[in-house]
Amino acid sequence: MNTITALAAAYRAKTTTPTAEIERVFTTIRAKDASIHAFLETYETEAIALAALATARYAAGEADLPPLLGVPVAVKNNILVAGKKATAASKILENYVAAYDATIITRLKEAGAIIIGATNMDEFAMGGSTENSAFGMTRNPHDESRVPGGSSGGSAAAVAMGAVPVALGTDTGGSIRQPASYCGLVGLKPTYGAVSRYGLIAMGSSLDQAGPLTNNVADAALIHSIIAGPDKMDATTLPADAYGVVPVKTTYRFGVPRTFLQDGIDADVLATFEAHLAELKAAGHEVVDIDLPLFEQGLAAYYIVMPAEVSSNTARYDGIRYGLSVGGKNLLEVYEQTRGAGFGAEVKRRILLGTYVLSSGYYDAYYGKAEAVREAMREELRTNFATVDIILTPTAPTPAFTIGEQENPLSMYRQDIFTVPVNLTGVPALSFGMGTVERDGKALPVGVQYIAPHGGEARLFDIGVRVYDANLVQ
């Protein structure tokens, strides 16, 4: 019962109960999480109490039950859950307790979900491996010598190790999709503005979106339908029809940016991708080559835009208003001591870079040009989506790498080469498994990324269910 559909069916058939399922969840966590470290905190007492209420509702035979009643959900620790610690895996927020629920948490609770704990992550979502957590790294359940990806690596590991059928992550440059690829899961990055960011600890405000990590596409579609929609607390949210209807089709025309795939991708990952394309053709779809020359510049633009927004968003952590505070002789020293002790190396690196590109004399040369490239990338996408329905790339250029392997930050950033253009342009993308490659005698999952026009989530879900879910072993 590793999907929401199967679990809900079992509840209704009374072959199991929410109480039994929640007990199983925490048994699994106790058995596996000491080595994997997917969770920073669990909410066992509250979860068991909510499970008892849900069990009673199923036993009473209620006809109109909420769609997630009794379903356990794990939540990345940069998403606020009222009364629980929201650390963003940083020492500077180590003891910060959320005063309210994020909008997406409110919507999940209203749908009957049981929040069972907070998952580990790269500090302030800055990283691609979950090695940058202030509270210890997370390991990949497929091979514990390897990373689960990041920054939503804890959420991915929680699903991959079988604790929960769904976990929430956030995606600023691939932080849902890349862990989905490394852990053999489905990961959705929604259209920017489709899901409220109210109650998310911001990293890059024009880039961040929350989404699900699941075992199949149907579950991702269900979770998205619950958490998406306008929110009066977030002015960046959009109505569902903001971009018009993006229709589903019987067959699709897929575009593949061939030149984009020629640099830095593992040969066996590329071969697996080519096999996936062959399967699409055999199913009656059309696959054509397209050109996305600006997408190839996306990584450079992203690592200007994102650090600039990081620099702005982390300025609030000053040791005065909330979070860690380290004393000093004067106000400047309090700032210096607090931020020096509270932030990890990757966060400091991005703050410094962001402050530099926003500084006088460099703003136009760097940030202004990156924003111009960003708009040109959107136009490039519009042009290509006039001739193709979906754009395909591998999700990541390699399978999960070993812990400590990517010591050079630039090498780590290269892992995001296929995912960051999606966040820069605001379009939706879905990652799911396209096969495995062998490393050190183990079969490691690798993912394929489907990119749709703005507002095209329904198209992604349609093809994903047909291509991926239909082939899952039930």
Protein backbone atom coordinates (compact mmCIF):
# COMPACT_ATOMS: atom_id res chain seq x y z
CA MET A 1 0.00 0.00 0.00
CA ASN A 2 2.62 2.49 -1.10
CA THR A 3 0.11 4.70 -2.93
CA ILE A 4 -2.71 6.87 -1.64
CA THR A 5 -5.22 5.09 -3.87
CA ALA A 6 -4.30 1.66 -2.51
CA LEU A 7 -4.28 2.89 1.07
CA ALA A 8 -7.67 4.62 0.79
CA ALA A 9 -9.14 1.49 -0.80
CA ALA A 10 -7.82 -0.64 2.06
CA TYR A 11 -9.33 1.74 4.60
CA ARG A 12 -12.74 1.53 2.92
CA ALA A 13 -12.51 -2.24 2.61
CA LYS A 14 -11.54 -2.37 6.29
CA THR A 15 -8.51 -4.55 5.54
CA THR A 16 -6.51 -2.02 7.53
CA THR A 17 -7.21 1.15 9.50
CA PRO A 18 -5.58 4.56 9.84
CA THR A 19 -4.50 3.54 13.34
CA ALA A 20 -2.74 0.44 12.03
CA GLU A 21 -1.16 2.43 9.19
CA ILE A 22 0.20 5.16 11.46
CA GLU A 23 1.61 2.51 13.79
CA ARG A 24 3.30 0.94 10.74
CA VAL A 25 4.71 4.34 9.73
CA PHE A 26 6.45 4.86 13.06
CA THR A 27 7.62 1.25 13.22
CA THR A 28 9.27 1.77 9.82
CA ILE A 29 10.86 5.03 10.95
CA ARG A 30 12.26 3.41 14.08
CA ALA A 31 13.65 0.51 12.05
CA LYS A 32 15.22 2.49 9.21
CA ASP A 33 15.72 6.15 10.05
CA ALA A 34 18.66 5.78 12.41
CA SER A 35 20.86 5.20 9.36
CA ILE A 36 18.90 7.08 6.68
CA HIS A 37 18.05 10.20 8.75
CA ALA A 38 15.10 11.33 6.65
CA PHE A 39 13.40 12.99 9.63
CA LEU A 40 14.40 15.84 11.90
CA GLU A 41 11.33 15.43 14.12
CA THR A 42 8.26 13.20 14.27
CA TYR A 43 4.81 13.94 15.67
CA GLU A 44 3.83 10.49 16.90
CA THR A 45 1.45 11.41 19.73
CA GLU A 46 -0.63 13.78 17.62
CA ALA A 47 -0.57 11.44 14.62
CA ILE A 48 -1.88 8.48 16.63
CA ALA A 49 -4.70 10.61 18.06
CA LEU A 50 -5.72 11.81 14.59
CA ALA A 51 -5.53 8.25 13.26
CA ALA A 52 -7.98 7.11 15.93
CA LEU A 53 -10.47 9.77 14.84
CA ALA A 54 -10.05 8.78 11.19
CA THR A 55 -10.47 5.09 12.04
CA ALA A 56 -13.75 5.86 13.78
CA ARG A 57 -15.05 7.70 10.72
CA TYR A 58 -14.26 4.77 8.43
CA ALA A 59 -15.82 2.35 10.92
CA ALA A 60 -18.98 4.44 10.98
CA GLY A 61 -19.31 4.00 7.24
CA GLU A 62 -19.46 7.70 6.37
CA ALA A 63 -20.14 8.14 2.67
CA ASP A 64 -18.51 11.48 1.94
CA LEU A 65 -15.04 11.26 3.45
CA PRO A 66 -12.17 13.70 2.77
CA PRO A 67 -9.83 12.43 0.03
CA LEU A 68 -6.78 12.07 2.30
CA LEU A 69 -8.48 10.91 5.49
CA GLY A 70 -5.91 8.94 7.46
CA VAL A 71 -3.14 9.30 4.86
CA PRO A 72 0.29 9.92 6.43
CA VAL A 73 2.27 12.82 4.95
CA ALA A 74 5.82 13.95 5.72
CA VAL A 75 6.74 17.63 5.34
CA LYS A 76 10.02 19.34 4.49
CA ASN A 77 11.15 21.44 7.43
CA ASN A 78 10.99 24.78 5.61
CA ILE A 79 7.17 24.51 5.47
CA LEU A 80 5.45 25.83 8.59
CA VAL A 81 3.37 23.47 10.74
CA ALA A 82 1.78 25.35 13.64
CA GLY A 83 3.32 24.54 17.01
CA LYS A 84 6.22 22.61 15.49
CA LYS A 85 9.83 23.53 14.90
CA ALA A 86 10.54 25.06 11.49
CA THR A 87 14.32 25.01 11.32
CA ALA A 88 15.02 24.93 7.57
CA ALA A 89 17.83 22.59 8.78
CA SER A 90 19.79 25.61 10.03
CA LYS A 91 21.34 26.37 13.41
CA ILE A 92 20.05 29.91 13.12
CA LEU A 93 16.45 28.61 13.39
CA GLU A 94 17.21 25.56 15.56
CA ASN A 95 14.57 26.39 18.17
CA TYR A 96 12.11 28.40 16.10
CA VAL A 97 8.51 27.20 16.50
CA ALA A 98 5.98 28.03 13.79
CA ALA A 99 3.09 30.22 14.92
CA TYR A 100 0.76 29.18 12.09
CA ASP A 101 0.22 26.60 9.36
CA ALA A 102 1.40 27.21 5.81
CA THR A 103 -1.55 27.40 3.44
CA ILE A 104 -0.64 24.06 1.89
CA ILE A 105 -0.58 22.45 5.34
CA THR A 106 -4.02 23.89 6.10
CA ARG A 107 -5.33 22.41 2.85
CA LEU A 108 -3.80 19.00 3.53
CA LYS A 109 -5.27 18.93 7.04
CA GLU A 110 -8.70 19.91 5.71
CA ALA A 111 -8.41 16.98 3.27
CA GLY A 112 -7.83 14.63 6.21
CA ALA A 113 -4.06 14.11 5.93
CA ILE A 114 -2.05 13.23 9.03
CA ILE A 115 1.24 15.15 9.23
CA ILE A 116 3.67 12.69 10.75
CA GLY A 117 6.91 14.63 10.89
CA ALA A 118 9.43 17.13 9.54
CA THR A 119 12.00 15.96 7.00
CA ASN A 120 15.65 16.84 6.67
CA MET A 121 16.93 19.13 3.92
CA ASP A 122 19.87 21.18 2.76
CA GLU A 123 20.08 24.26 4.97
CA PHE A 124 17.56 26.87 3.78
CA ALA A 125 17.08 24.62 0.70
CA MET A 126 20.57 25.51 -0.54
CA GLY A 127 22.12 22.38 -1.98
CA GLY A 128 21.53 19.36 -4.15
CA SER A 129 22.42 16.46 -1.86
CA THR A 130 21.07 17.03 1.69
CA GLU A 131 24.68 16.97 2.86
CA ASN A 132 24.34 20.63 3.89
CA SER A 133 21.91 20.15 6.76
CA ALA A 134 23.12 21.56 10.07
CA PHE A 135 21.70 18.43 11.74
CA GLY A 136 23.42 15.71 9.73
CA MET A 137 23.12 14.34 6.21
CA THR A 138 20.39 12.10 4.80
CA ARG A 139 21.28 8.86 2.96
CA ASN A 140 19.68 7.32 -0.11
CA PRO A 141 17.55 4.25 0.77
CA HIS A 142 18.62 2.58 -2.50
CA ASP A 143 22.29 2.75 -1.48
CA GLU A 144 23.19 4.32 1.85
CA SER A 145 26.66 5.25 0.59
CA ARG A 146 24.96 7.72 -1.76
CA VAL A 147 23.03 10.96 -1.40
CA PRO A 148 19.25 11.14 -1.84
CA GLY A 149 19.52 14.41 -3.74
CA GLY A 150 18.46 17.78 -2.45
CA SER A 151 17.39 20.04 -1.14
CA SER A 152 14.26 17.92 -0.49
CA GLY A 153 16.33 14.80 0.16
CA GLY A 154 14.69 14.02 3.49
CA SER A 155 11.23 14.05 1.92
CA ALA A 156 12.41 11.82 -0.92
CA ALA A 157 14.08 9.38 1.46
CA ALA A 158 10.95 9.23 3.65
CA VAL A 159 8.93 7.99 0.67
CA ALA A 160 11.68 5.80 -0.80
CA MET A 161 12.27 3.95 2.47
CA GLY A 162 8.57 3.10 2.65
CA ALA A 163 7.59 5.22 5.63
CA VAL A 164 4.95 7.33 3.86
CA PRO A 165 3.24 7.33 0.46
CA VAL A 166 3.72 11.07 -0.01
CA ALA A 167 5.94 13.86 1.23
CA LEU A 168 6.01 17.57 0.50
CA GLY A 169 9.11 19.26 -0.82
CA THR A 170 10.00 22.64 -2.27
CA ASP A 171 11.64 23.23 -5.63
CA THR A 172 13.74 26.33 -6.36
CA GLY A 173 16.02 24.89 -9.03
CA GLY A 174 15.20 21.19 -9.08
CA SER A 175 14.94 20.36 -5.39
CA ILE A 176 11.91 18.09 -5.83
CA ARG A 177 12.70 16.63 -9.25
CA GLN A 178 16.36 15.78 -8.68
CA PRO A 179 15.71 13.83 -5.43
CA ALA A 180 12.83 12.10 -7.22
CA SER A 181 15.29 10.98 -9.89
CA TYR A 182 17.90 9.79 -7.40
CA CYS A 183 15.34 7.93 -5.25
CA GLY A 184 13.13 6.43 -7.98
CA LEU A 185 10.07 8.57 -7.24
CA VAL A 186 7.63 10.91 -8.94
CA GLY A 187 8.29 14.61 -8.28
CA LEU A 188 6.26 17.61 -9.43
CA LYS A 189 7.40 21.20 -9.75
CA PRO A 190 4.16 23.16 -10.42
CA THR A 191 3.68 26.26 -12.53
CA TYR A 192 4.94 29.29 -10.59
CA GLY A 193 1.92 30.76 -8.84
CA ALA A 194 -0.12 27.56 -8.91
CA VAL A 195 0.62 26.76 -5.25
CA SER A 196 0.69 29.23 -2.37
CA ARG A 197 4.07 30.08 -0.86
CA TYR A 198 2.48 31.48 2.31
CA GLY A 199 4.19 29.72 5.20
CA LEU A 200 7.24 28.60 3.20
CA ILE A 201 10.61 29.81 4.46
CA ALA A 202 11.75 31.64 1.36
CA MET A 203 14.94 30.94 -0.52
CA GLY A 204 14.30 32.46 -3.96
CA SER A 205 10.91 34.16 -3.95
CA SER A 206 10.49 34.26 -7.73
CA LEU A 207 11.56 30.62 -8.05
CA ASP A 208 10.20 28.60 -5.09
CA GLN A 209 7.23 26.26 -5.47
CA ALA A 210 6.04 23.47 -3.20
CA GLY A 211 5.04 20.11 -4.61
CA PRO A 212 4.71 16.39 -3.86
CA LEU A 213 7.07 13.44 -3.93
CA THR A 214 5.10 10.23 -4.46
CA ASN A 215 5.30 6.67 -5.76
CA ASN A 216 3.07 7.26 -8.78
CA VAL A 217 1.79 10.08 -10.94
CA ALA A 218 -1.85 9.71 -9.91
CA ASP A 219 -0.92 10.48 -6.30
CA ALA A 220 1.06 13.55 -7.36
CA ALA A 221 -1.97 14.75 -9.31
CA LEU A 222 -4.24 14.23 -6.29
CA ILE A 223 -1.95 16.11 -3.90
CA HIS A 224 -1.51 18.94 -6.39
CA SER A 225 -5.29 19.27 -6.79
CA ILE A 226 -5.57 19.73 -3.02
CA ILE A 227 -2.73 22.17 -2.36
CA ALA A 228 -3.02 24.28 -5.54
CA GLY A 229 -5.21 27.32 -6.03
CA PRO A 230 -5.37 31.03 -5.27
CA ASP A 231 -4.60 32.21 -1.75
CA LYS A 232 -5.46 35.64 -0.39
CA MET A 233 -2.32 35.43 1.76
CA ASP A 234 -0.05 35.11 -1.30
CA ALA A 235 -0.41 37.69 -4.06
CA THR A 236 1.72 35.61 -6.43
CA THR A 237 -0.85 32.81 -6.63
CA LEU A 238 -2.86 32.58 -9.83
CA PRO A 239 -6.30 31.25 -10.78
CA ALA A 240 -6.30 27.84 -12.45
CA ASP A 241 -7.21 29.34 -15.83
CA ALA A 242 -4.56 32.09 -15.73
CA TYR A 243 -2.77 30.65 -18.74
CA GLY A 244 -5.80 29.23 -20.51
CA VAL A 245 -6.53 25.58 -21.12
CA VAL A 246 -3.60 23.31 -21.98
CA PRO A 247 -5.47 20.33 -23.43
CA VAL A 248 -4.63 16.67 -23.07
CA LYS A 249 -4.27 14.67 -26.28
CA THR A 250 -4.41 11.11 -27.52
CA THR A 251 -0.86 11.33 -28.81
CA TYR A 252 1.78 13.96 -28.13
CA ARG A 253 4.59 15.63 -30.02
CA PHE A 254 7.70 15.62 -27.82
CA GLY A 255 10.61 17.99 -28.30
CA VAL A 256 14.15 16.93 -27.35
CA PRO A 257 16.88 19.60 -27.11
CA ARG A 258 19.68 17.43 -28.50
CA THR A 259 22.55 19.89 -28.22
CA PHE A 260 21.63 20.47 -24.57
CA LEU A 261 22.26 16.77 -23.89
CA GLN A 262 25.77 16.59 -25.32
CA ASP A 263 27.78 18.01 -22.45
CA GLY A 264 28.31 16.44 -19.06
CA ILE A 265 25.70 13.67 -19.13
CA ASP A 266 26.68 10.12 -18.25
CA ALA A 267 26.64 7.79 -21.25
CA ASP A 268 24.44 5.21 -19.53
CA VAL A 269 21.94 7.85 -18.42
CA LEU A 270 21.78 9.09 -22.02
CA ALA A 271 21.29 5.53 -23.27
CA THR A 272 18.42 5.04 -20.80
CA PHE A 273 16.89 8.29 -22.02
CA GLU A 274 17.14 7.16 -25.64
CA ALA A 275 15.41 3.90 -24.71
CA HIS A 276 12.61 5.92 -23.13
CA LEU A 277 12.22 7.94 -26.33
CA ALA A 278 11.98 4.69 -28.28
CA GLU A 279 9.17 3.54 -25.99
CA LEU A 280 7.28 6.78 -26.65
CA LYS A 281 7.62 6.32 -30.39
CA ALA A 282 6.44 2.71 -30.13
CA ALA A 283 3.35 3.95 -28.28
CA GLY A 284 2.47 6.21 -31.22
CA HIS A 285 3.89 9.52 -30.06
CA GLU A 286 6.14 11.73 -32.17
CA VAL A 287 9.63 12.75 -31.03
CA VAL A 288 11.44 15.63 -32.76
CA ASP A 289 14.64 17.57 -32.13
CA ILE A 290 14.35 21.18 -31.00
CA ASP A 291 16.80 23.97 -30.20
CA LEU A 292 16.94 25.61 -26.77
CA PRO A 293 20.23 27.54 -26.91
CA LEU A 294 19.29 29.85 -24.04
CA PHE A 295 18.37 26.89 -21.82
CA GLU A 296 22.04 25.97 -22.04
CA GLN A 297 22.81 29.33 -20.38
CA GLY A 298 20.18 28.76 -17.70
CA LEU A 299 22.60 27.48 -15.07
CA ALA A 300 24.69 30.66 -15.28
CA ALA A 301 21.61 32.89 -15.07
CA TYR A 302 20.17 30.88 -12.19
CA TYR A 303 23.31 31.20 -10.10
CA ILE A 304 22.99 34.98 -10.35
CA VAL A 305 19.24 35.36 -9.83
CA MET A 306 18.94 32.80 -7.03
CA PRO A 307 21.82 34.07 -4.82
CA ALA A 308 20.54 37.62 -5.24
CA GLU A 309 17.17 36.56 -3.84
CA VAL A 310 18.90 34.49 -1.15
CA SER A 311 20.86 37.56 -0.05
CA SER A 312 17.63 39.51 0.35
CA ASN A 313 15.63 36.75 2.02
CA THR A 314 18.26 35.83 4.60
CA ALA A 315 18.80 39.43 5.73
CA ARG A 316 16.00 38.95 8.29
CA TYR A 317 18.12 36.49 10.28
CA ASP A 318 20.00 39.10 12.25
CA GLY A 319 19.94 37.79 15.84
CA ILE A 320 17.47 40.46 16.91
CA ARG A 321 13.95 39.50 15.90
CA TYR A 322 13.91 35.71 16.20
CA GLY A 323 16.11 32.66 15.96
CA LEU A 324 19.67 32.35 17.19
CA SER A 325 21.22 35.41 18.83
CA VAL A 326 24.90 35.63 19.73
CA GLY A 327 25.88 38.60 21.88
CA GLY A 328 28.44 41.23 20.96
CA LYS A 329 29.84 44.60 22.01
CA ASN A 330 27.59 46.45 19.58
CA LEU A 331 24.83 45.84 17.04
CA LEU A 332 27.22 45.11 14.16
CA GLU A 333 29.03 42.50 16.22
CA VAL A 334 25.72 40.83 17.11
CA TYR A 335 24.95 40.59 13.41
CA GLU A 336 28.40 39.22 12.59
CA GLN A 337 28.54 36.71 15.43
CA THR A 338 25.00 35.47 14.94
CA ARG A 339 25.23 34.99 11.19
CA GLY A 340 28.74 33.57 11.45
CA ALA A 341 27.64 30.93 13.95
CA GLY A 342 24.18 30.31 12.56
CA PHE A 343 24.77 29.87 8.83
CA GLY A 344 26.60 26.97 7.18
CA ALA A 345 29.21 27.24 4.45
CA GLU A 346 26.86 26.88 1.46
CA VAL A 347 24.44 29.51 2.78
CA LYS A 348 27.32 31.92 3.39
CA ARG A 349 28.65 31.27 -0.12
CA ARG A 350 25.33 32.13 -1.72
CA ILE A 351 24.75 35.21 0.46
CA LEU A 352 28.17 36.55 -0.52
CA LEU A 353 27.59 35.89 -4.20
CA GLY A 354 24.11 37.42 -4.08
CA THR A 355 25.27 40.51 -2.24
CA TYR A 356 28.03 40.97 -4.81
CA VAL A 357 25.76 40.78 -7.87
CA LEU A 358 23.33 43.24 -6.29
CA SER A 359 25.99 45.73 -5.23
CA SER A 360 26.51 49.13 -6.78
CA GLY A 361 28.38 48.91 -10.05
CA TYR A 362 27.61 45.22 -10.58
CA TYR A 363 23.80 45.10 -10.58
CA ASP A 364 23.41 45.92 -14.27
CA ALA A 365 26.41 43.85 -15.33
CA TYR A 366 25.19 40.67 -13.61
CA TYR A 367 21.69 40.68 -12.14
CA GLY A 368 20.18 42.88 -14.84
CA LYS A 369 21.62 40.72 -17.61
CA ALA A 370 20.51 37.51 -15.90
CA GLU A 371 16.94 38.80 -15.71
CA ALA A 372 17.10 39.73 -19.41
CA VAL A 373 18.27 36.19 -20.23
CA ARG A 374 15.42 34.86 -18.11
CA GLU A 375 12.81 36.71 -20.15
CA ALA A 376 14.46 35.60 -23.38
CA MET A 377 14.28 32.00 -22.12
CA ARG A 378 10.53 32.39 -21.59
CA GLU A 379 10.17 33.58 -25.17
CA GLU A 380 12.30 30.69 -26.39
CA LEU A 381 9.92 28.30 -24.63
CA ARG A 382 6.84 30.00 -26.08
CA THR A 383 8.30 29.58 -29.56
CA ASN A 384 9.02 25.88 -29.05
CA PHE A 385 5.67 25.13 -27.41
CA ALA A 386 4.02 26.42 -30.56
CA THR A 387 5.34 23.32 -32.35
CA VAL A 388 5.68 20.66 -29.60
CA ASP A 389 3.44 19.61 -26.71
CA ILE A 390 6.03 18.54 -24.14
CA ILE A 391 9.80 18.99 -23.85
CA LEU A 392 11.88 16.06 -22.59
CA THR A 393 15.26 15.88 -20.87
CA PRO A 394 16.82 13.57 -18.32
CA THR A 395 16.10 14.97 -14.85
CA ALA A 396 19.76 14.85 -13.82
CA PRO A 397 22.95 14.09 -15.75
CA THR A 398 23.98 11.26 -13.40
CA PRO A 399 22.45 8.84 -10.93
CA ALA A 400 22.88 9.54 -7.21
CA PHE A 401 26.51 10.24 -6.42
CA THR A 402 28.38 9.00 -3.37
CA ILE A 403 28.47 11.02 -0.17
CA GLY A 404 31.34 13.50 -0.32
CA GLU A 405 31.95 12.95 -4.03
CA GLN A 406 30.95 16.44 -5.18
CA GLU A 407 33.39 18.48 -3.10
CA ASN A 408 33.67 21.22 -5.74
CA PRO A 409 30.58 23.47 -5.49
CA LEU A 410 30.61 24.04 -9.26
CA SER A 411 30.43 20.28 -9.88
CA MET A 412 27.47 20.11 -7.50
CA TYR A 413 25.74 22.97 -9.31
CA ARG A 414 26.13 21.10 -12.62
CA GLN A 415 23.70 18.48 -11.32
CA ASP A 416 20.96 21.11 -11.76
CA ILE A 417 21.67 21.81 -15.44
CA PHE A 418 18.39 20.32 -16.73
CA THR A 419 16.14 21.50 -13.91
CA VAL A 420 16.97 25.16 -13.23
CA PRO A 421 15.62 26.52 -16.56
CA VAL A 422 12.16 25.33 -15.50
CA ASN A 423 12.22 27.50 -12.37
CA LEU A 424 13.63 30.50 -14.21
CA THR A 425 10.77 30.37 -16.71
CA GLY A 426 8.01 29.34 -14.29
CA VAL A 427 6.68 26.38 -16.30
CA PRO A 428 5.65 23.06 -14.69
CA ALA A 429 7.74 19.90 -14.87
CA LEU A 430 7.28 16.31 -13.76
CA SER A 431 10.03 13.79 -13.05
CA PHE A 432 9.50 10.06 -12.88
CA GLY A 433 11.64 6.96 -13.31
CA MET A 434 12.84 5.96 -16.77
CA GLY A 435 14.95 3.01 -15.65
CA THR A 436 18.11 2.20 -13.73
CA VAL A 437 21.85 2.27 -14.29
CA GLU A 438 24.42 0.16 -12.50
CA ARG A 439 26.98 1.58 -10.09
CA ASP A 440 29.16 -0.57 -7.84
CA GLY A 441 26.93 -3.57 -8.42
CA LYS A 442 23.71 -1.76 -7.53
CA ALA A 443 20.86 -0.69 -9.81
CA LEU A 444 20.30 3.02 -9.22
CA PRO A 445 17.18 4.82 -10.47
CA VAL A 446 17.36 7.67 -12.97
CA GLY A 447 14.53 9.98 -13.95
CA VAL A 448 13.14 11.66 -17.04
CA GLN A 449 11.81 15.23 -16.93
CA TYR A 450 8.62 16.20 -18.78
CA ILE A 451 8.19 19.96 -19.22
CA ALA A 452 4.82 21.50 -20.22
CA PRO A 453 3.64 25.03 -21.02
CA HIS A 454 2.50 27.31 -18.18
CA GLY A 455 -0.58 25.82 -16.55
CA GLY A 456 0.03 22.46 -18.23
CA GLU A 457 -0.04 20.20 -15.15
CA ALA A 458 -3.05 18.25 -16.47
CA ARG A 459 -1.07 17.37 -19.59
CA LEU A 460 1.85 16.17 -17.48
CA PHE A 461 -0.43 14.03 -15.32
CA ASP A 462 -2.19 12.58 -18.35
CA ILE A 463 0.96 11.39 -20.08
CA GLY A 464 2.61 10.42 -16.80
CA VAL A 465 -0.22 8.10 -15.80
CA ARG A 466 -0.18 6.50 -19.26
CA VAL A 467 3.59 6.15 -19.56
CA TYR A 468 4.66 5.55 -15.95
CA ASP A 469 1.76 4.43 -13.77
CA ALA A 470 0.49 1.95 -16.35
CA ASN A 471 3.81 0.09 -16.18
CA LEU A 472 4.10 -0.07 -12.38
CA VAL A 473 3.91 -3.47 -10.72
CA GLN A 474 0.65 -3.41 -8.82
